[in-house]
PDB file of N, CA and C in Angstrom:
ATOM      1  N   MET A   1      60.990 193.677 232.325  1.00  0.00           N
ATOM      2  CA  MET A   1      61.373 193.722 230.634  1.00  0.00           C
ATOM      3  C   MET A   1      59.965 193.628 230.167  1.00  0.00           C
ATOM      4  N   ARG A   2      58.879 192.638 230.775  1.00  0.00           N
ATOM      5  CA  ARG A   2      57.705 192.817 229.997  1.00  0.00           C
ATOM      6  C   ARG A   2      56.879 193.648 230.003  1.00  0.00           C
ATOM      7  N   GLU A   3      57.103 194.646 231.136  1.00  0.00           N
ATOM      8  CA  GLU A   3      56.348 196.087 231.135  1.00  0.00           C
ATOM      9  C   GLU A   3      56.599 196.819 229.866  1.00  0.00           C
ATOM     10  N   ILE A   4      57.788 196.750 229.386  1.00  0.00           N
ATOM     11  CA  ILE A   4      58.216 197.514 227.956  1.00  0.00           C
ATOM     12  C   ILE A   4      57.208 197.280 227.032  1.00  0.00           C
ATOM     13  N   PRO A   5      56.404 198.165 226.436  1.00  0.00           N
ATOM     14  CA  PRO A   5      55.486 198.081 225.565  1.00  0.00           C
ATOM     15  C   PRO A   5      56.410 198.075 223.981  1.00  0.00           C
ATOM     16  N   CYS A   6      56.738 196.862 223.669  1.00  0.00           N
ATOM     17  CA  CYS A   6      57.399 196.438 222.208  1.00  0.00           C
ATOM     18  C   CYS A   6      56.407 196.102 221.424  1.00  0.00           C
ATOM     19  N   THR A   7      56.716 196.344 220.063  1.00  0.00           N
ATOM     20  CA  THR A   7      56.155 195.827 219.142  1.00  0.00           C
ATOM     21  C   THR A   7      56.281 194.580 219.013  1.00  0.00           C
ATOM     22  N   PRO A   8      55.728 193.435 218.282  1.00  0.00           N
ATOM     23  CA  PRO A   8      55.950 192.065 218.091  1.00  0.00           C
ATOM     24  C   PRO A   8      57.217 192.013 217.325  1.00  0.00           C
ATOM     25  N   GLN A   9      57.276 192.749 216.040  1.00  0.00           N
ATOM     26  CA  GLN A   9      58.460 192.778 215.277  1.00  0.00           C
ATOM     27  C   GLN A   9      59.862 192.824 216.199  1.00  0.00           C
ATOM     28  N   PHE A  10      60.008 193.515 216.948  1.00  0.00           N
ATOM     29  CA  PHE A  10      60.976 193.973 217.693  1.00  0.00           C
ATOM     30  C   PHE A  10      61.305 192.763 218.671  1.00  0.00           C
ATOM     31  N   ARG A  11      60.203 192.058 219.162  1.00  0.00           N
ATOM     32  CA  ARG A  11      60.537 190.864 219.798  1.00  0.00           C
ATOM     33  C   ARG A  11      61.024 189.777 219.277  1.00  0.00           C
ATOM     34  N   LEU A  12      60.481 189.730 218.193  1.00  0.00           N
ATOM     35  CA  LEU A  12      60.854 188.670 217.395  1.00  0.00           C
ATOM     36  C   LEU A  12      62.386 188.452 216.649  1.00  0.00           C
ATOM     37  N   ASN A  13      62.771 189.778 216.635  1.00  0.00           N
ATOM     38  CA  ASN A  13      64.284 189.884 216.015  1.00  0.00           C
ATOM     39  C   ASN A  13      65.271 189.683 217.054  1.00  0.00           C
ATOM     40  N   GLY A  14      64.782 189.642 218.299  1.00  0.00           N
ATOM     41  CA  GLY A  14      65.751 189.339 219.271  1.00  0.00           C
ATOM     42  C   GLY A  14      66.705 190.461 219.833  1.00  0.00           C
ATOM     43  N   GLU A  15      66.418 191.717 219.377  1.00  0.00           N
ATOM     44  CA  GLU A  15      67.068 192.551 219.655  1.00  0.00           C
ATOM     45  C   GLU A  15      67.311 193.144 221.013  1.00  0.00           C
ATOM     46  N   ILE A  16      65.849 192.789 221.915  1.00  0.00           N
ATOM     47  CA  ILE A  16      66.162 193.142 223.203  1.00  0.00           C
ATOM     48  C   ILE A  16      66.997 192.351 224.114  1.00  0.00           C
ATOM     49  N   GLN A  17      67.193 191.039 223.467  1.00  0.00           N
ATOM     50  CA  GLN A  17      68.072 190.087 224.243  1.00  0.00           C
ATOM     51  C   GLN A  17      69.560 190.463 224.086  1.00  0.00           C
ATOM     52  N   ARG A  18      69.890 190.763 222.521  1.00  0.00           N
ATOM     53  CA  ARG A  18      71.093 191.309 222.355  1.00  0.00           C
ATOM     54  C   ARG A  18      71.625 192.505 223.111  1.00  0.00           C
ATOM     55  N   ILE A  19      70.677 193.460 223.429  1.00  0.00           N
ATOM     56  CA  ILE A  19      70.937 194.635 223.966  1.00  0.00           C
ATOM     57  C   ILE A  19      71.256 194.442 225.359  1.00  0.00           C
ATOM     58  N   VAL A  20      70.463 193.561 225.887  1.00  0.00           N
ATOM     59  CA  VAL A  20      70.384 193.382 227.494  1.00  0.00           C
ATOM     60  C   VAL A  20      71.800 192.264 227.656  1.00  0.00           C
ATOM     61  N   LYS A  21      71.830 191.400 226.829  1.00  0.00           N
ATOM     62  CA  LYS A  21      73.282 190.760 227.020  1.00  0.00           C
ATOM     63  C   LYS A  21      74.784 191.575 226.837  1.00  0.00           C
ATOM     64  N   ARG A  22      74.650 192.523 225.926  1.00  0.00           N
ATOM     65  CA  ARG A  22      75.778 193.265 225.817  1.00  0.00           C
ATOM     66  C   ARG A  22      75.801 194.592 226.782  1.00  0.00           C
ATOM     67  N   TYR A  23      74.787 195.116 227.196  1.00  0.00           N
ATOM     68  CA  TYR A  23      75.071 196.228 228.221  1.00  0.00           C
ATOM     69  C   TYR A  23      74.085 195.937 229.346  1.00  0.00           C
ATOM     70  N   TRP A  24      74.433 194.745 229.919  1.00  0.00           N
ATOM     71  CA  TRP A  24      73.901 194.380 231.169  1.00  0.00           C
ATOM     72  C   TRP A  24      73.866 195.435 232.400  1.00  0.00           C
ATOM     73  N   GLU A  25      74.928 195.971 232.551  1.00  0.00           N
ATOM     74  CA  GLU A  25      75.215 196.783 233.524  1.00  0.00           C
ATOM     75  C   GLU A  25      74.186 198.331 233.793  1.00  0.00           C
ATOM     76  N   ASN A  26      74.039 198.626 232.410  1.00  0.00           N
ATOM     77  CA  ASN A  26      73.074 199.537 232.164  1.00  0.00           C
ATOM     78  C   ASN A  26      71.377 199.521 231.856  1.00  0.00           C
ATOM     79  N   VAL A  27      70.985 198.064 231.884  1.00  0.00           N
ATOM     80  CA  VAL A  27      69.544 197.828 231.997  1.00  0.00           C
ATOM     81  C   VAL A  27      68.687 198.214 232.993  1.00  0.00           C
ATOM     82  N   PRO A  28      69.088 198.257 234.228  1.00  0.00           N
ATOM     83  CA  PRO A  28      68.342 198.878 235.208  1.00  0.00           C
ATOM     84  C   PRO A  28      68.005 200.319 235.141  1.00  0.00           C
ATOM     85  N   GLY A  29      69.027 200.974 234.808  1.00  0.00           N
ATOM     86  CA  GLY A  29      69.060 202.435 234.653  1.00  0.00           C
ATOM     87  C   GLY A  29      68.356 203.007 233.366  1.00  0.00           C
ATOM     88  N   ALA A  30      68.341 202.091 232.346  1.00  0.00           N
ATOM     89  CA  ALA A  30      67.361 201.929 231.183  1.00  0.00           C
ATOM     90  C   ALA A  30      65.803 201.796 231.362  1.00  0.00           C
ATOM     91  N   ILE A  31      65.574 200.785 231.989  1.00  0.00           N
ATOM     92  CA  ILE A  31      64.291 200.578 232.071  1.00  0.00           C
ATOM     93  C   ILE A  31      63.540 201.762 233.117  1.00  0.00           C
ATOM     94  N   ALA A  32      64.379 202.196 234.073  1.00  0.00           N
ATOM     95  CA  ALA A  32      63.840 203.333 234.698  1.00  0.00           C
ATOM     96  C   ALA A  32      63.803 204.623 233.904  1.00  0.00           C
ATOM     97  N   TYR A  33      64.886 204.922 232.899  1.00  0.00           N
ATOM     98  CA  TYR A  33      64.490 206.016 232.232  1.00  0.00           C
ATOM     99  C   TYR A  33      63.791 205.759 231.087  1.00  0.00           C
ATOM    100  N   LEU A  34      63.312 204.493 230.750  1.00  0.00           N
ATOM    101  CA  LEU A  34      61.957 204.398 229.994  1.00  0.00           C
ATOM    102  C   LEU A  34      60.853 204.594 230.587  1.00  0.00           C
ATOM    103  N   LYS A  35      60.571 204.211 231.818  1.00  0.00           N
ATOM    104  CA  LYS A  35      59.544 204.218 232.466  1.00  0.00           C
ATOM    105  C   LYS A  35      59.219 205.713 233.058  1.00  0.00           C
ATOM    106  N   GLU A  36      60.199 206.528 233.110  1.00  0.00           N
ATOM    107  CA  GLU A  36      59.965 208.049 233.437  1.00  0.00           C
ATOM    108  C   GLU A  36      59.663 208.294 231.951  1.00  0.00           C
ATOM    109  N   ALA A  37      60.267 208.024 230.998  1.00  0.00           N
ATOM    110  CA  ALA A  37      60.053 209.053 229.715  1.00  0.00           C
ATOM    111  C   ALA A  37      58.524 208.496 229.238  1.00  0.00           C
ATOM    112  N   LEU A  38      57.907 207.257 229.550  1.00  0.00           N
ATOM    113  CA  LEU A  38      56.736 206.932 229.337  1.00  0.00           C
ATOM    114  C   LEU A  38      55.729 207.927 229.937  1.00  0.00           C
ATOM    115  N   ARG A  39      55.985 208.161 230.947  1.00  0.00           N
ATOM    116  CA  ARG A  39      55.293 208.905 231.998  1.00  0.00           C
ATOM    117  C   ARG A  39      55.198 210.250 231.872  1.00  0.00           C
ATOM    118  N   THR A  40      56.291 210.900 231.359  1.00  0.00           N
ATOM    119  CA  THR A  40      56.454 212.397 231.377  1.00  0.00           C
ATOM    120  C   THR A  40      56.795 212.943 229.831  1.00  0.00           C
ATOM    121  N   TRP A  41      57.120 212.119 228.811  1.00  0.00           N
ATOM    122  CA  TRP A  41      57.374 212.638 227.654  1.00  0.00           C
ATOM    123  C   TRP A  41      55.782 212.496 226.726  1.00  0.00           C
ATOM    124  N   LYS A  42      55.614 213.128 225.549  1.00  0.00           N
ATOM    125  CA  LYS A  42      54.206 213.430 225.061  1.00  0.00           C
ATOM    126  C   LYS A  42      54.547 212.251 223.724  1.00  0.00           C
ATOM    127  N   GLY A  43      53.799 211.473 223.359  1.00  0.00           N
ATOM    128  CA  GLY A  43      53.609 210.728 222.182  1.00  0.00           C
ATOM    129  C   GLY A  43      55.258 209.997 221.756  1.00  0.00           C
ATOM    130  N   ILE A  44      55.495 209.129 222.741  1.00  0.00           N
ATOM    131  CA  ILE A  44      56.800 208.085 222.040  1.00  0.00           C
ATOM    132  C   ILE A  44      56.274 207.271 221.080  1.00  0.00           C
ATOM    133  N   LYS A  45      56.674 207.447 219.829  1.00  0.00           N
ATOM    134  CA  LYS A  45      56.461 206.719 218.951  1.00  0.00           C
ATOM    135  C   LYS A  45      57.181 205.227 218.998  1.00  0.00           C
ATOM    136  N   SER A  46      58.314 205.156 219.575  1.00  0.00           N
ATOM    137  CA  SER A  46      59.181 203.833 219.719  1.00  0.00           C
ATOM    138  C   SER A  46      59.853 203.737 220.876  1.00  0.00           C
ATOM    139  N   PRO A  47      58.956 203.030 222.031  1.00  0.00           N
ATOM    140  CA  PRO A  47      59.789 202.650 223.197  1.00  0.00           C
ATOM    141  C   PRO A  47      60.917 201.998 223.227  1.00  0.00           C
ATOM    142  N   GLU A  48      60.852 201.167 222.112  1.00  0.00           N
ATOM    143  CA  GLU A  48      62.206 200.382 221.733  1.00  0.00           C
ATOM    144  C   GLU A  48      63.390 201.103 221.670  1.00  0.00           C
ATOM    145  N   ALA A  49      63.186 202.325 220.931  1.00  0.00           N
ATOM    146  CA  ALA A  49      64.455 202.993 220.370  1.00  0.00           C
ATOM    147  C   ALA A  49      65.007 203.958 221.840  1.00  0.00           C
ATOM    148  N   VAL A  50      63.945 203.975 222.491  1.00  0.00           N
ATOM    149  CA  VAL A  50      64.406 205.075 223.907  1.00  0.00           C
ATOM    150  C   VAL A  50      65.089 203.850 224.481  1.00  0.00           C
ATOM    151  N   PHE A  51      64.511 202.745 224.759  1.00  0.00           N
ATOM    152  CA  PHE A  51      65.268 201.708 225.781  1.00  0.00           C
ATOM    153  C   PHE A  51      66.696 201.323 224.994  1.00  0.00           C
ATOM    154  N   VAL A  52      66.755 200.962 223.816  1.00  0.00           N
ATOM    155  CA  VAL A  52      68.039 200.627 223.066  1.00  0.00           C
ATOM    156  C   VAL A  52      68.862 201.594 223.566  1.00  0.00           C
ATOM    157  N   ALA A  53      68.655 203.247 223.240  1.00  0.00           N
ATOM    158  CA  ALA A  53      69.377 204.253 223.432  1.00  0.00           C
ATOM    159  C   ALA A  53      69.987 204.305 224.444  1.00  0.00           C
ATOM    160  N   ALA A  54      68.801 204.251 225.653  1.00  0.00           N
ATOM    161  CA  ALA A  54      69.331 204.206 227.085  1.00  0.00           C
ATOM    162  C   ALA A  54      70.207 203.115 227.494  1.00  0.00           C
ATOM    163  N   CYS A  55      70.180 201.904 227.020  1.00  0.00           N
ATOM    164  CA  CYS A  55      71.154 200.902 227.253  1.00  0.00           C
ATOM    165  C   CYS A  55      72.608 201.385 226.897  1.00  0.00           C
ATOM    166  N   ARG A  56      72.503 201.480 225.716  1.00  0.00           N
ATOM    167  CA  ARG A  56      74.054 201.865 224.894  1.00  0.00           C
ATOM    168  C   ARG A  56      74.600 203.091 225.495  1.00  0.00           C
ATOM    169  N   GLU A  57      73.815 203.890 226.004  1.00  0.00           N
ATOM    170  CA  GLU A  57      74.434 205.137 226.414  1.00  0.00           C
ATOM    171  C   GLU A  57      74.499 205.473 227.963  1.00  0.00           C
ATOM    172  N   GLY A  58      73.716 204.636 228.350  1.00  0.00           N
ATOM    173  CA  GLY A  58      73.990 204.389 230.090  1.00  0.00           C
ATOM    174  C   GLY A  58      73.061 205.669 230.651  1.00  0.00           C
ATOM    175  N   ARG A  59      72.120 205.698 229.832  1.00  0.00           N
ATOM    176  CA  ARG A  59      71.036 206.836 230.460  1.00  0.00           C
ATOM    177  C   ARG A  59      70.265 206.317 231.657  1.00  0.00           C
ATOM    178  N   LYS A  60      70.097 207.265 232.628  1.00  0.00           N
ATOM    179  CA  LYS A  60      69.242 206.992 233.858  1.00  0.00           C
ATOM    180  C   LYS A  60      68.345 208.040 234.049  1.00  0.00           C
ATOM    181  N   PRO A  61      67.391 207.970 234.616  1.00  0.00           N
ATOM    182  CA  PRO A  61      66.215 208.992 235.265  1.00  0.00           C
ATOM    183  C   PRO A  61      67.191 209.937 235.599  1.00  0.00           C
ATOM    184  N   GLU A  62      66.279 211.350 235.616  1.00  0.00           N
ATOM    185  CA  GLU A  62      67.071 212.554 236.010  1.00  0.00           C
ATOM    186  C   GLU A  62      67.010 212.418 237.760  1.00  0.00           C
ATOM    187  N   SER A  63      66.212 211.987 238.288  1.00  0.00           N
ATOM    188  CA  SER A  63      66.272 211.838 239.748  1.00  0.00           C
ATOM    189  C   SER A  63      67.271 210.911 239.970  1.00  0.00           C
ATOM    190  N   VAL A  64      67.504 210.100 239.401  1.00  0.00           N
ATOM    191  CA  VAL A  64      68.688 209.111 239.975  1.00  0.00           C
ATOM    192  C   VAL A  64      69.884 209.567 239.897  1.00  0.00           C
ATOM    193  N   GLN A  65      70.245 210.458 238.513  1.00  0.00           N
ATOM    194  CA  GLN A  65      71.779 211.176 238.228  1.00  0.00           C
ATOM    195  C   GLN A  65      71.711 212.271 239.411  1.00  0.00           C
ATOM    196  N   VAL A  66      70.860 212.778 239.664  1.00  0.00           N
ATOM    197  CA  VAL A  66      70.773 214.026 240.723  1.00  0.00           C
ATOM    198  C   VAL A  66      71.375 213.533 241.964  1.00  0.00           C
ATOM    199  N   LYS A  67      70.439 212.270 242.481  1.00  0.00           N
ATOM    200  CA  LYS A  67      70.681 211.822 243.702  1.00  0.00           C
ATOM    201  C   LYS A  67      72.184 211.318 244.073  1.00  0.00           C
ATOM    202  N   SER A  68      72.866 210.723 242.998  1.00  0.00           N
ATOM    203  CA  SER A  68      74.014 209.956 242.886  1.00  0.00           C
ATOM    204  C   SER A  68      75.021 211.221 242.867  1.00  0.00           C
ATOM    205  N   GLU A  69      74.891 212.335 242.325  1.00  0.00           N
ATOM    206  CA  GLU A  69      75.542 213.432 242.115  1.00  0.00           C
ATOM    207  C   GLU A  69      75.800 214.099 243.584  1.00  0.00           C
ATOM    208  N   ALA A  70      74.510 214.290 244.505  1.00  0.00           N
ATOM    209  CA  ALA A  70      74.325 214.609 245.671  1.00  0.00           C
ATOM    210  C   ALA A  70      75.227 213.718 246.770  1.00  0.00           C
ATOM    211  N   ILE A  71      75.163 212.383 246.217  1.00  0.00           N
ATOM    212  CA  ILE A  71      75.802 211.543 247.394  1.00  0.00           C
ATOM    213  C   ILE A  71      77.317 211.631 247.266  1.00  0.00           C
ATOM    214  N   ALA A  72      77.679 211.602 245.814  1.00  0.00           N
ATOM    215  CA  ALA A  72      79.276 211.780 245.612  1.00  0.00           C
ATOM    216  C   ALA A  72      79.852 213.113 246.295  1.00  0.00           C
ATOM    217  N   TRP A  73      78.827 214.146 246.208  1.00  0.00           N
ATOM    218  CA  TRP A  73      79.249 215.420 246.692  1.00  0.00           C
ATOM    219  C   TRP A  73      79.350 215.168 248.419  1.00  0.00           C
ATOM    220  N   PHE A  74      78.338 214.813 249.234  1.00  0.00           N
ATOM    221  CA  PHE A  74      78.374 214.441 250.213  1.00  0.00           C
ATOM    222  C   PHE A  74      79.702 213.607 250.808  1.00  0.00           C
ATOM    223  N   GLU A  75      80.100 212.655 250.350  1.00  0.00           N
ATOM    224  CA  GLU A  75      81.164 211.804 250.444  1.00  0.00           C
ATOM    225  C   GLU A  75      82.510 212.743 250.438  1.00  0.00           C
ATOM    226  N   TRP A  76      82.496 213.696 249.272  1.00  0.00           N
ATOM    227  CA  TRP A  76      83.661 214.327 249.159  1.00  0.00           C
ATOM    228  C   TRP A  76      83.772 215.299 250.541  1.00  0.00           C
ATOM    229  N   ALA A  77      82.658 215.913 250.811  1.00  0.00           N
ATOM    230  CA  ALA A  77      82.381 216.895 251.745  1.00  0.00           C
ATOM    231  C   ALA A  77      82.742 216.151 253.125  1.00  0.00           C
ATOM    232  N   ARG A  78      82.132 215.144 253.192  1.00  0.00           N
ATOM    233  CA  ARG A  78      82.859 214.400 254.840  1.00  0.00           C
ATOM    234  C   ARG A  78      84.146 213.947 254.565  1.00  0.00           C
ATOM    235  N   LYS A  79      84.645 213.660 253.706  1.00  0.00           N
ATOM    236  CA  LYS A  79      86.278 213.642 253.927  1.00  0.00           C
ATOM    237  C   LYS A  79      86.969 214.884 253.874  1.00  0.00           C
ATOM    238  N   GLN A  80      86.492 215.862 253.574  1.00  0.00           N
ATOM    239  CA  GLN A  80      87.127 217.413 253.977  1.00  0.00           C
ATOM    240  C   GLN A  80      86.564 217.616 255.210  1.00  0.00           C
ATOM    241  N   ARG A  81      85.738 217.161 255.800  1.00  0.00           N
ATOM    242  CA  ARG A  81      85.403 217.302 257.320  1.00  0.00           C
ATOM    243  C   ARG A  81      84.512 218.886 257.272  1.00  0.00           C
ATOM    244  N   ILE A  82      83.756 218.779 255.894  1.00  0.00           N
ATOM    245  CA  ILE A  82      82.885 219.975 255.711  1.00  0.00           C
ATOM    246  C   ILE A  82      81.682 219.797 256.151  1.00  0.00           C
ATOM    247  N   VAL A  83      81.082 218.487 256.403  1.00  0.00           N
ATOM    248  CA  VAL A  83      79.896 218.172 256.778  1.00  0.00           C
ATOM    249  C   VAL A  83      80.265 216.585 257.856  1.00  0.00           C
ATOM    250  N   ILE A  84      79.237 216.734 258.503  1.00  0.00           N
ATOM    251  CA  ILE A  84      79.141 215.400 259.360  1.00  0.00           C
ATOM    252  C   ILE A  84      78.122 214.225 258.681  1.00  0.00           C
ATOM    253  N   ALA A  85      76.853 214.678 258.839  1.00  0.00           N
ATOM    254  CA  ALA A  85      75.500 214.080 258.192  1.00  0.00           C
ATOM    255  C   ALA A  85      74.859 214.683 257.174  1.00  0.00           C
ATOM    256  N   MET A  86      73.961 213.938 256.328  1.00  0.00           N
ATOM    257  CA  MET A  86      73.156 214.340 255.484  1.00  0.00           C
ATOM    258  C   MET A  86      71.621 213.720 255.806  1.00  0.00           C
ATOM    259  N   SER A  87      70.535 214.473 255.552  1.00  0.00           N
ATOM    260  CA  SER A  87      69.268 213.966 255.584  1.00  0.00           C
ATOM    261  C   SER A  87      68.813 214.087 254.505  1.00  0.00           C
TER     262      SER A  87
END
């Protein structure tokens, strides 16, 4: 959480603490989403807003979503006896 570049006003009003408590299960994905956004987007004016939206909406980085969809497909295909292994 310390790596998130927040303004002092955002930290002082306790918004991050409230968001983290309310959307605890979404926090790891939201942090990863923010890190990816900071690395790939051009000119983020409010990292706090990106983090809060990601927590509330359960956003995850694109690579995580693709990976989980691939795993879900593999599990389905294995149960259908279409595939044996995936690498």
